[in-house]
Amino acid sequence: MTVEVSTSTDTTEPTLKARVDRSAYLAGLLKLRPELPEELAELQGVRDRALAIAQELAIPTTRDEEWRFTDLSSLVHIGFALPDRASISFAQIESFILPEAVNSRLVFVDGTYAPDLSATDDLPEGVLVTNLSVAVQFLPSLHNYLAKQQGAEEVFTALNTASLIDGAIVHVPKNQHVETPIQILFVSTAGVATIAHPRCLVIAESGSSLTLVEEFVSIADGGYFTNAVTEIAIAENAQVNHTRVQRESETAFHIGKTAVSQARDSRYSCSAISLGAKIARHNLEVYQTGEQTQTTLNGLTMINGEQVGDTHSKIAFTKPYGTSDQVQKCIVGDRAHAIFNGKVSVPQAAQLTNAAQLSRNLLLSPRARIDTKPQLEITADNVKCAHGATVSQLEDDEVFYLQSRGLNPEEARKLLTYAFAIEIINHIPVASLKANLTTIIRTQQL
């Protein structure tokens, strides 16, 4: 089945003359959702509630405040279909497998679990790292977490939940510390217009800790659409160190949601790296639901050509003594366009909060564009909050200085670009991934 695209002669869309009925387009995507497997029948209610929400919505336009800089016209003019079930070999994804997670990984191909490519032999007893159909048998508390994070009514999140048939589940019991990184690898294989809905749920119970590496990669070029949702529930005094890497095909579409809830004394850190996709959007939402909660967000978007890279983040404090520290960097070359909107919400109940936010941006071309909006919403009166944004180009005197030390202009530009980006990469706790991304940054043409 393929989505039918209905258009009108209204020419108010900014990039394409024919205007798509975006409610009807979303309804077409909802019709694509596959049947729920019999072993997941108990989740039918979850899907149906999300379907009811999605049926009242539409694909956003640039008239929507949250989407005013990201035009989805090129997406809604494509008639997507579900991917055929692909069978790939380990050799095709071997370069993406982290040596540190060789026996602690899950692999999903076009959103579907691939057990022959996965390995979970190197995990402590009691730690569950598996797919959804297994988790429903061994994790009775699953229903307390799946599709329960705030933000579930956002249109693409509702579309993902309404289409739910599989997903990655990570459950770390109380006081259990997982030293080995856990890798969740979502692989896209389609070179045609297909849509997949990867899903991930992470549950860190009280006193536990883990390192999660979530990667979205492609082994084929094509205008496919990845619509991903990750939910992370962090209990009291638990810690999650999360690295998210998006390096899809540069002709693909990627829209992702990461929704995190943090209980008292918990710690969450995220390094989000966005390199691929024609249009990429990451909605990162963190809700601090307890006192003395720590959140650290580091992001890097590095794009060129005509790519669009959009990061929307939200840190919502609800209790006193919370802290957050966020640094978002964008490196934009050629005619690419990066967007950052970072909200920090500090209501009256969240006294003695300490929040810092910084957006730093590097334009490598006169045609490159950045729209940045760090945003504080404060009603509490006893807080320490700061935010700022900078947009700059490579300084001619810095390039000249490196040339005087024997580098050619291209090498000088690459070295300065690398120096700008490496601050974010250095926060990644997995050595092989850090080295891999460092190589990409050093060699990528911008």
Protein backbone atom coordinates (compact mmCIF):
# COMPACT_ATOMS: atom_id res chain seq x y z
CA MET A 1 0.00 0.00 0.00
CA THR A 2 1.19 3.51 -0.81
CA VAL A 3 0.11 6.88 0.57
CA GLU A 4 -2.02 8.83 -1.89
CA VAL A 5 -1.04 12.49 -2.17
CA SER A 6 -3.95 14.84 -2.84
CA THR A 7 -3.17 18.40 -3.90
CA SER A 8 -4.99 21.63 -4.64
CA THR A 9 -4.18 24.64 -6.80
CA ASP A 10 -3.55 26.87 -3.76
CA THR A 11 0.02 28.18 -4.20
CA THR A 12 0.66 29.46 -0.68
CA GLU A 13 3.24 26.78 0.18
CA PRO A 14 6.67 28.39 0.23
CA THR A 15 8.59 25.79 -1.80
CA LEU A 16 6.15 23.80 -3.95
CA LYS A 17 3.25 25.14 -6.02
CA ALA A 18 0.72 22.41 -5.27
CA ARG A 19 -0.50 22.42 -1.66
CA VAL A 20 -1.02 19.03 -0.08
CA ASP A 21 -4.00 18.41 2.22
CA ARG A 22 -1.86 17.58 5.25
CA SER A 23 -4.67 16.07 7.30
CA ALA A 24 -5.48 13.70 4.45
CA TYR A 25 -1.79 12.96 3.99
CA LEU A 26 -1.45 11.98 7.64
CA ALA A 27 -4.57 9.84 7.34
CA GLY A 28 -2.85 8.04 4.46
CA LEU A 29 0.21 7.35 6.62
CA LEU A 30 -2.04 5.98 9.34
CA LYS A 31 -3.64 3.60 6.86
CA LEU A 32 -0.21 2.13 6.23
CA ARG A 33 0.18 0.90 9.79
CA PRO A 34 0.66 -2.87 9.83
CA GLU A 35 -1.41 -5.31 11.83
CA LEU A 36 -0.26 -5.88 15.39
CA PRO A 37 1.36 -9.30 15.85
CA GLU A 38 -0.74 -11.74 17.87
CA GLU A 39 1.83 -11.90 20.68
CA LEU A 40 1.40 -8.13 21.17
CA ALA A 41 -2.39 -8.11 21.17
CA GLU A 42 -2.45 -6.64 24.68
CA LEU A 43 -0.89 -3.44 23.25
CA GLN A 44 -3.79 -2.80 20.88
CA GLY A 45 -5.23 -0.24 23.29
CA VAL A 46 -1.96 1.72 23.24
CA ARG A 47 -2.05 1.85 19.45
CA ASP A 48 -5.72 2.76 19.31
CA ARG A 49 -5.34 5.68 21.74
CA ALA A 50 -2.49 7.05 19.66
CA LEU A 51 -4.53 6.57 16.49
CA ALA A 52 -7.38 8.61 17.94
CA ILE A 53 -4.95 11.42 18.77
CA ALA A 54 -3.28 11.35 15.35
CA GLN A 55 -6.61 11.41 13.51
CA GLU A 56 -7.28 14.87 14.96
CA LEU A 57 -3.94 16.27 13.74
CA ALA A 58 -2.14 17.16 10.53
CA ILE A 59 1.42 17.26 9.24
CA PRO A 60 2.81 20.65 10.40
CA THR A 61 3.36 23.60 8.08
CA THR A 62 5.66 26.59 8.44
CA ARG A 63 2.66 28.45 9.87
CA ASP A 64 3.01 26.32 13.02
CA GLU A 65 5.29 28.16 15.44
CA GLU A 66 7.30 25.03 16.32
CA TRP A 67 7.92 24.33 12.62
CA ARG A 68 8.24 27.80 11.13
CA PHE A 69 11.85 27.29 10.01
CA THR A 70 11.48 23.66 8.82
CA ASP A 71 9.47 23.20 5.66
CA LEU A 72 8.15 19.65 5.19
CA SER A 73 6.75 20.27 1.71
CA SER A 74 9.28 17.95 0.09
CA LEU A 75 8.22 15.16 2.46
CA VAL A 76 4.46 15.44 2.00
CA HIS A 77 4.80 15.30 -1.78
CA ILE A 78 6.11 11.73 -1.56
CA GLY A 79 3.82 8.73 -1.53
CA PHE A 80 5.45 6.44 1.05
CA ALA A 81 4.96 2.68 1.36
CA LEU A 82 5.96 0.12 3.98
CA PRO A 83 9.36 -1.47 3.34
CA ASP A 84 9.61 -5.08 2.26
CA ARG A 85 11.13 -7.26 4.95
CA ALA A 86 14.85 -7.08 4.22
CA SER A 87 17.46 -9.67 5.00
CA ILE A 88 20.96 -8.29 5.35
CA SER A 89 24.26 -9.85 6.34
CA PHE A 90 26.46 -9.01 9.29
CA ALA A 91 29.16 -7.88 6.85
CA GLN A 92 26.88 -5.05 5.68
CA ILE A 93 26.67 -3.52 9.17
CA GLU A 94 29.96 -4.68 10.68
CA SER A 95 31.51 -1.22 10.39
CA PHE A 96 28.74 0.19 12.59
CA ILE A 97 29.13 -2.35 15.41
CA LEU A 98 30.98 -0.95 18.41
CA PRO A 99 33.75 -3.23 19.71
CA GLU A 100 32.72 -2.31 23.26
CA ALA A 101 29.18 -3.55 22.55
CA VAL A 102 29.92 -6.60 20.42
CA ASN A 103 27.89 -8.75 22.86
CA SER A 104 25.48 -6.10 24.12
CA ARG A 105 23.65 -4.87 21.04
CA LEU A 106 20.25 -4.95 19.37
CA VAL A 107 19.91 -4.46 15.63
CA PHE A 108 16.69 -3.39 13.91
CA VAL A 109 16.35 -3.42 10.13
CA ASP A 110 13.78 -0.95 8.79
CA GLY A 111 12.26 -0.84 12.27
CA THR A 112 12.03 -4.63 12.73
CA TYR A 113 14.15 -6.67 15.14
CA ALA A 114 16.92 -8.74 13.54
CA PRO A 115 17.87 -11.42 16.11
CA ASP A 116 20.54 -12.95 13.87
CA LEU A 117 22.43 -9.62 13.88
CA SER A 118 21.97 -8.95 17.60
CA ALA A 119 23.91 -10.26 20.61
CA THR A 120 23.15 -9.79 24.31
CA ASP A 121 25.50 -12.31 25.97
CA ASP A 122 27.62 -9.77 27.85
CA LEU A 123 25.08 -8.35 30.27
CA PRO A 124 24.64 -8.73 34.04
CA GLU A 125 22.00 -11.11 35.32
CA GLY A 126 18.60 -9.48 35.49
CA VAL A 127 19.29 -6.85 32.85
CA LEU A 128 16.83 -7.17 29.99
CA VAL A 129 17.88 -5.99 26.53
CA THR A 130 15.50 -7.37 23.92
CA ASN A 131 12.68 -6.56 21.53
CA LEU A 132 9.06 -5.78 22.32
CA SER A 133 7.53 -9.23 21.74
CA VAL A 134 9.95 -10.81 24.24
CA ALA A 135 9.68 -7.98 26.75
CA VAL A 136 5.90 -8.30 27.12
CA GLN A 137 6.46 -11.86 28.39
CA PHE A 138 9.14 -11.07 30.98
CA LEU A 139 8.52 -7.47 32.02
CA PRO A 140 5.12 -7.01 33.67
CA SER A 141 5.84 -3.33 34.37
CA LEU A 142 6.20 -2.55 30.65
CA HIS A 143 2.66 -1.13 30.52
CA ASN A 144 3.58 1.47 33.14
CA TYR A 145 6.16 3.01 30.81
CA LEU A 146 5.35 2.39 27.16
CA ALA A 147 3.82 5.51 25.55
CA LYS A 148 3.54 7.15 28.97
CA GLN A 149 6.12 9.93 28.64
CA GLN A 150 4.95 13.51 28.21
CA GLY A 151 4.74 14.76 24.63
CA ALA A 152 2.89 11.68 23.35
CA GLU A 153 0.31 13.90 21.64
CA GLU A 154 2.82 15.41 19.21
CA VAL A 155 1.85 14.38 15.68
CA PHE A 156 4.86 12.28 14.68
CA THR A 157 5.03 10.63 18.11
CA ALA A 158 1.36 9.67 17.84
CA LEU A 159 1.98 8.34 14.33
CA ASN A 160 4.82 6.19 15.62
CA THR A 161 2.78 4.79 18.52
CA ALA A 162 -0.25 4.14 16.32
CA SER A 163 2.02 2.13 14.00
CA LEU A 164 3.78 0.23 16.81
CA ILE A 165 4.68 -3.40 16.01
CA ASP A 166 8.19 -3.74 17.43
CA GLY A 167 10.82 -1.91 19.43
CA ALA A 168 13.95 -2.07 21.55
CA ILE A 169 13.45 -2.55 25.28
CA VAL A 170 16.20 -1.94 27.85
CA HIS A 171 15.40 -2.61 31.51
CA VAL A 172 18.02 -2.26 34.26
CA PRO A 173 16.82 -3.43 37.68
CA LYS A 174 17.26 -1.65 40.99
CA ASN A 175 20.89 -0.95 42.01
CA GLN A 176 22.28 -2.74 38.95
CA HIS A 177 25.23 -1.08 37.20
CA VAL A 178 25.87 -2.01 33.57
CA GLU A 179 29.49 -1.29 32.75
CA THR A 180 29.28 -2.44 29.11
CA PRO A 181 27.75 0.07 26.66
CA ILE A 182 24.41 -1.05 25.20
CA GLN A 183 24.12 -0.32 21.48
CA ILE A 184 20.79 -0.02 19.70
CA LEU A 185 21.41 0.07 15.95
CA PHE A 186 18.56 1.08 13.62
CA VAL A 187 19.50 0.26 10.02
CA SER A 188 17.67 1.57 6.96
CA THR A 189 17.99 -0.51 3.81
CA ALA A 190 15.39 0.95 1.49
CA GLY A 191 16.46 2.90 -1.56
CA VAL A 192 12.87 3.83 -2.37
CA ALA A 193 10.14 5.88 -0.70
CA THR A 194 9.38 3.79 2.39
CA ILE A 195 8.49 4.69 5.97
CA ALA A 196 9.64 3.00 9.19
CA HIS A 197 8.83 3.73 12.84
CA PRO A 198 11.73 2.68 15.10
CA ARG A 199 10.90 2.56 18.80
CA CYS A 200 13.03 2.35 21.93
CA LEU A 201 12.09 2.22 25.62
CA VAL A 202 14.70 2.46 28.39
CA ILE A 203 13.82 1.86 32.03
CA ALA A 204 16.48 2.58 34.65
CA GLU A 205 15.21 1.62 38.09
CA SER A 206 16.36 3.29 41.31
CA GLY A 207 20.09 3.26 41.95
CA SER A 208 20.94 1.77 38.54
CA SER A 209 23.22 3.06 35.79
CA LEU A 210 23.85 2.38 32.10
CA THR A 211 25.46 3.77 28.97
CA LEU A 212 23.23 3.72 25.88
CA VAL A 213 24.37 4.28 22.30
CA GLU A 214 21.52 4.75 19.85
CA GLU A 215 22.46 4.97 16.17
CA PHE A 216 20.44 5.55 13.01
CA VAL A 217 22.38 4.48 9.91
CA SER A 218 21.78 3.59 6.27
CA ILE A 219 23.25 1.00 3.91
CA ALA A 220 21.43 2.41 0.86
CA ASP A 221 20.70 5.83 -0.57
CA GLY A 222 17.10 6.81 -1.01
CA GLY A 223 14.29 9.13 -0.02
CA TYR A 224 12.96 6.96 2.80
CA PHE A 225 11.41 8.31 6.00
CA THR A 226 12.51 7.33 9.52
CA ASN A 227 10.05 8.38 12.23
CA ALA A 228 11.66 7.38 15.53
CA VAL A 229 10.60 7.61 19.18
CA THR A 230 12.73 6.89 22.26
CA GLU A 231 11.35 6.98 25.81
CA ILE A 232 13.67 6.97 28.82
CA ALA A 233 12.37 6.61 32.39
CA ILE A 234 15.00 7.27 35.06
CA ALA A 235 14.08 6.44 38.65
CA GLU A 236 15.48 7.90 41.88
CA ASN A 237 19.27 8.06 42.09
CA ALA A 238 19.67 6.34 38.70
CA GLN A 239 21.99 7.45 35.91
CA VAL A 240 21.73 7.19 32.12
CA ASN A 241 24.50 8.30 29.78
CA HIS A 242 22.93 8.49 26.32
CA THR A 243 24.62 9.01 22.96
CA ARG A 244 22.39 9.45 19.91
CA VAL A 245 23.95 9.47 16.42
CA GLN A 246 21.94 10.18 13.28
CA ARG A 247 23.80 9.49 10.02
CA GLU A 248 21.06 8.54 7.59
CA SER A 249 21.28 8.80 3.80
CA GLU A 250 21.52 12.44 2.71
CA THR A 251 18.36 11.99 0.61
CA ALA A 252 16.32 10.59 3.51
CA PHE A 253 13.97 12.20 6.03
CA HIS A 254 14.51 11.70 9.74
CA ILE A 255 12.19 12.88 12.51
CA GLY A 256 12.99 11.71 16.03
CA LYS A 257 11.60 12.21 19.52
CA THR A 258 13.53 11.55 22.73
CA ALA A 259 11.33 11.92 25.81
CA VAL A 260 12.98 11.60 29.22
CA SER A 261 11.59 11.66 32.76
CA GLN A 262 13.92 12.06 35.73
CA ALA A 263 13.03 11.27 39.33
CA ARG A 264 14.73 12.69 42.43
CA ASP A 265 18.56 12.66 42.50
CA SER A 266 18.76 11.14 39.01
CA ARG A 267 21.31 12.07 36.35
CA TYR A 268 20.83 12.13 32.60
CA SER A 269 23.38 13.15 30.00
CA CYS A 270 22.87 13.12 26.24
CA SER A 271 25.28 13.70 23.38
CA ALA A 272 23.20 14.05 20.21
CA ILE A 273 25.10 14.06 16.90
CA SER A 274 23.27 14.83 13.64
CA LEU A 275 25.16 14.36 10.37
CA GLY A 276 22.82 12.87 7.77
CA ALA A 277 19.38 13.14 6.15
CA LYS A 278 17.95 15.66 3.71
CA ILE A 279 15.69 16.96 6.49
CA ALA A 280 16.47 15.94 10.07
CA ARG A 281 14.51 16.97 13.15
CA HIS A 282 15.20 15.88 16.74
CA ASN A 283 12.80 16.78 19.52
CA LEU A 284 14.61 16.25 22.83
CA GLU A 285 12.37 16.71 25.85
CA VAL A 286 13.51 16.23 29.44
CA TYR A 287 11.10 16.46 32.39
CA GLN A 288 12.65 16.75 35.83
CA THR A 289 10.00 15.35 38.17
CA GLY A 290 12.07 15.24 41.36
CA GLU A 291 14.38 17.40 43.43
CA GLN A 292 18.17 17.59 42.99
CA THR A 293 18.00 16.31 39.43
CA GLN A 294 20.87 16.80 36.98
CA THR A 295 20.56 17.11 33.19
CA THR A 296 23.45 17.58 30.75
CA LEU A 297 22.76 18.01 27.03
CA ASN A 298 25.45 18.32 24.36
CA GLY A 299 24.54 18.50 20.68
CA LEU A 300 26.35 18.78 17.37
CA THR A 301 24.74 19.29 13.96
CA MET A 302 27.16 19.18 11.03
CA ILE A 303 25.56 19.57 7.59
CA ASN A 304 26.24 20.82 4.08
CA GLY A 305 24.71 20.84 0.59
CA GLU A 306 21.02 21.63 1.00
CA GLN A 307 20.52 19.67 4.20
CA VAL A 308 18.24 20.92 6.96
CA GLY A 309 19.14 20.03 10.55
CA ASP A 310 16.63 21.00 13.24
CA THR A 311 17.00 20.49 17.00
CA HIS A 312 14.17 21.43 19.33
CA SER A 313 14.85 20.79 23.00
CA LYS A 314 12.93 21.30 26.20
CA ILE A 315 14.09 21.00 29.79
CA ALA A 316 11.15 21.28 32.19
CA PHE A 317 11.89 21.75 35.89
CA THR A 318 9.11 20.98 38.35
CA LYS A 319 10.93 20.71 41.70
CA PRO A 320 13.61 22.70 43.59
CA TYR A 321 17.39 22.23 43.41
CA GLY A 322 17.47 21.02 39.81
CA THR A 323 20.43 21.70 37.52
CA SER A 324 20.92 21.62 33.78
CA ASP A 325 23.77 22.43 31.42
CA GLN A 326 23.26 22.52 27.65
CA VAL A 327 25.66 23.27 24.80
CA GLN A 328 24.41 23.01 21.21
CA LYS A 329 26.80 23.52 18.29
CA CYS A 330 26.00 23.73 14.58
CA ILE A 331 28.49 23.67 11.70
CA VAL A 332 26.79 24.66 8.47
CA GLY A 333 28.33 24.63 5.00
CA ASP A 334 27.25 25.33 1.42
CA ARG A 335 23.47 26.10 1.31
CA ALA A 336 22.53 24.07 4.39
CA HIS A 337 20.18 25.36 7.09
CA ALA A 338 20.43 24.57 10.82
CA ILE A 339 17.78 25.36 13.41
CA PHE A 340 18.01 25.28 17.18
CA ASN A 341 15.21 26.12 19.59
CA GLY A 342 16.00 25.32 23.21
CA LYS A 343 13.41 25.93 25.92
CA VAL A 344 14.13 25.85 29.63
CA SER A 345 11.02 26.06 31.78
CA VAL A 346 11.37 27.05 35.45
CA PRO A 347 7.97 27.39 37.17
CA GLN A 348 7.33 28.85 40.61
CA ALA A 349 7.71 25.44 42.28
CA ALA A 350 11.25 24.99 40.95
CA GLN A 351 13.14 27.31 43.29
CA LEU A 352 16.96 27.24 43.61
CA THR A 353 17.33 25.96 40.05
CA ASN A 354 20.62 26.36 38.20
CA ALA A 355 20.31 26.25 34.41
CA ALA A 356 22.81 27.19 31.70
CA GLN A 357 22.27 27.06 27.95
CA LEU A 358 24.59 28.02 25.09
CA SER A 359 24.08 27.87 21.33
CA ARG A 360 27.28 28.25 19.28
CA ASN A 361 27.20 28.20 15.49
CA LEU A 362 29.79 28.21 12.72
CA LEU A 363 28.88 29.23 9.16
CA LEU A 364 31.32 27.98 6.52
CA SER A 365 29.61 29.55 3.51
CA PRO A 366 27.93 32.89 2.78
CA ARG A 367 24.89 30.89 1.64
CA ALA A 368 24.64 28.83 4.84
CA ARG A 369 21.90 29.71 7.32
CA ILE A 370 21.31 29.31 11.04
CA ASP A 371 18.21 30.16 13.07
CA THR A 372 18.87 29.86 16.79
CA LYS A 373 16.63 30.65 19.73
CA PRO A 374 17.75 29.73 23.26
CA GLN A 375 14.73 30.39 25.43
CA LEU A 376 14.19 30.72 29.19
CA GLU A 377 10.70 30.70 30.67
CA ILE A 378 11.07 31.58 34.36
CA THR A 379 8.43 32.34 36.95
CA ALA A 380 10.46 31.27 40.00
CA ASP A 381 12.26 34.11 41.82
CA ASN A 382 15.24 32.35 43.43
CA VAL A 383 17.13 30.79 40.54
CA LYS A 384 20.39 31.07 38.65
CA CYS A 385 19.76 30.82 34.91
CA ALA A 386 21.71 31.99 31.88
CA HIS A 387 21.58 31.52 28.14
CA GLY A 388 23.34 32.83 25.06
CA ALA A 389 23.95 32.36 21.36
CA THR A 390 26.78 33.12 18.96
CA VAL A 391 26.98 32.88 15.16
CA SER A 392 30.38 33.28 13.52
CA GLN A 393 32.55 32.40 10.54
CA LEU A 394 36.11 31.17 10.39
CA GLU A 395 38.44 34.06 11.12
CA ASP A 396 40.76 34.98 8.26
CA ASP A 397 43.64 35.65 10.63
CA GLU A 398 43.28 32.18 12.18
CA VAL A 399 43.36 30.56 8.74
CA PHE A 400 46.35 32.72 7.80
CA TYR A 401 48.18 31.76 10.99
CA LEU A 402 47.81 28.04 10.24
CA GLN A 403 48.91 28.62 6.65
CA SER A 404 52.02 30.31 7.98
CA ARG A 405 52.70 27.07 9.85
CA GLY A 406 52.66 25.04 6.64
CA LEU A 407 49.00 24.08 6.17
CA ASN A 408 47.16 24.80 2.93
CA PRO A 409 43.87 26.75 3.17
CA GLU A 410 41.67 23.64 3.02
CA GLU A 411 43.64 21.88 5.75
CA ALA A 412 43.53 25.03 7.88
CA ARG A 413 39.74 25.27 7.55
CA LYS A 414 39.31 21.61 8.43
CA LEU A 415 41.51 21.92 11.49
CA LEU A 416 39.59 24.94 12.78
CA THR A 417 36.27 23.21 12.11
CA TYR A 418 37.51 20.13 13.96
CA ALA A 419 38.56 22.26 16.93
CA PHE A 420 35.08 23.79 17.05
CA ALA A 421 33.32 20.40 17.03
CA ILE A 422 35.59 18.29 19.20
CA GLU A 423 34.27 19.76 22.46
CA ILE A 424 30.99 17.92 21.87
CA ILE A 425 32.58 14.68 20.62
CA ASN A 426 34.79 14.52 23.72
CA HIS A 427 31.71 14.00 25.90
CA ILE A 428 31.00 10.63 24.24
CA PRO A 429 32.03 7.89 26.71
CA VAL A 430 32.63 5.10 24.15
CA ALA A 431 36.16 5.27 22.76
CA SER A 432 35.58 3.59 19.39
CA LEU A 433 32.56 5.76 18.60
CA LYS A 434 34.45 8.88 19.63
CA ALA A 435 37.32 7.92 17.31
CA ASN A 436 34.95 7.15 14.43
CA LEU A 437 33.15 10.47 14.71
CA THR A 438 36.43 12.33 15.06
CA THR A 439 37.54 10.85 11.72
CA ILE A 440 34.28 11.88 10.07
CA ILE A 441 34.63 15.45 11.31
CA ARG A 442 38.23 15.67 10.17
CA THR A 443 37.47 14.40 6.65
CA GLN A 444 33.95 15.63 5.87
CA GLN A 445 33.76 18.19 3.08
CA LEU A 446 31.81 21.29 4.10
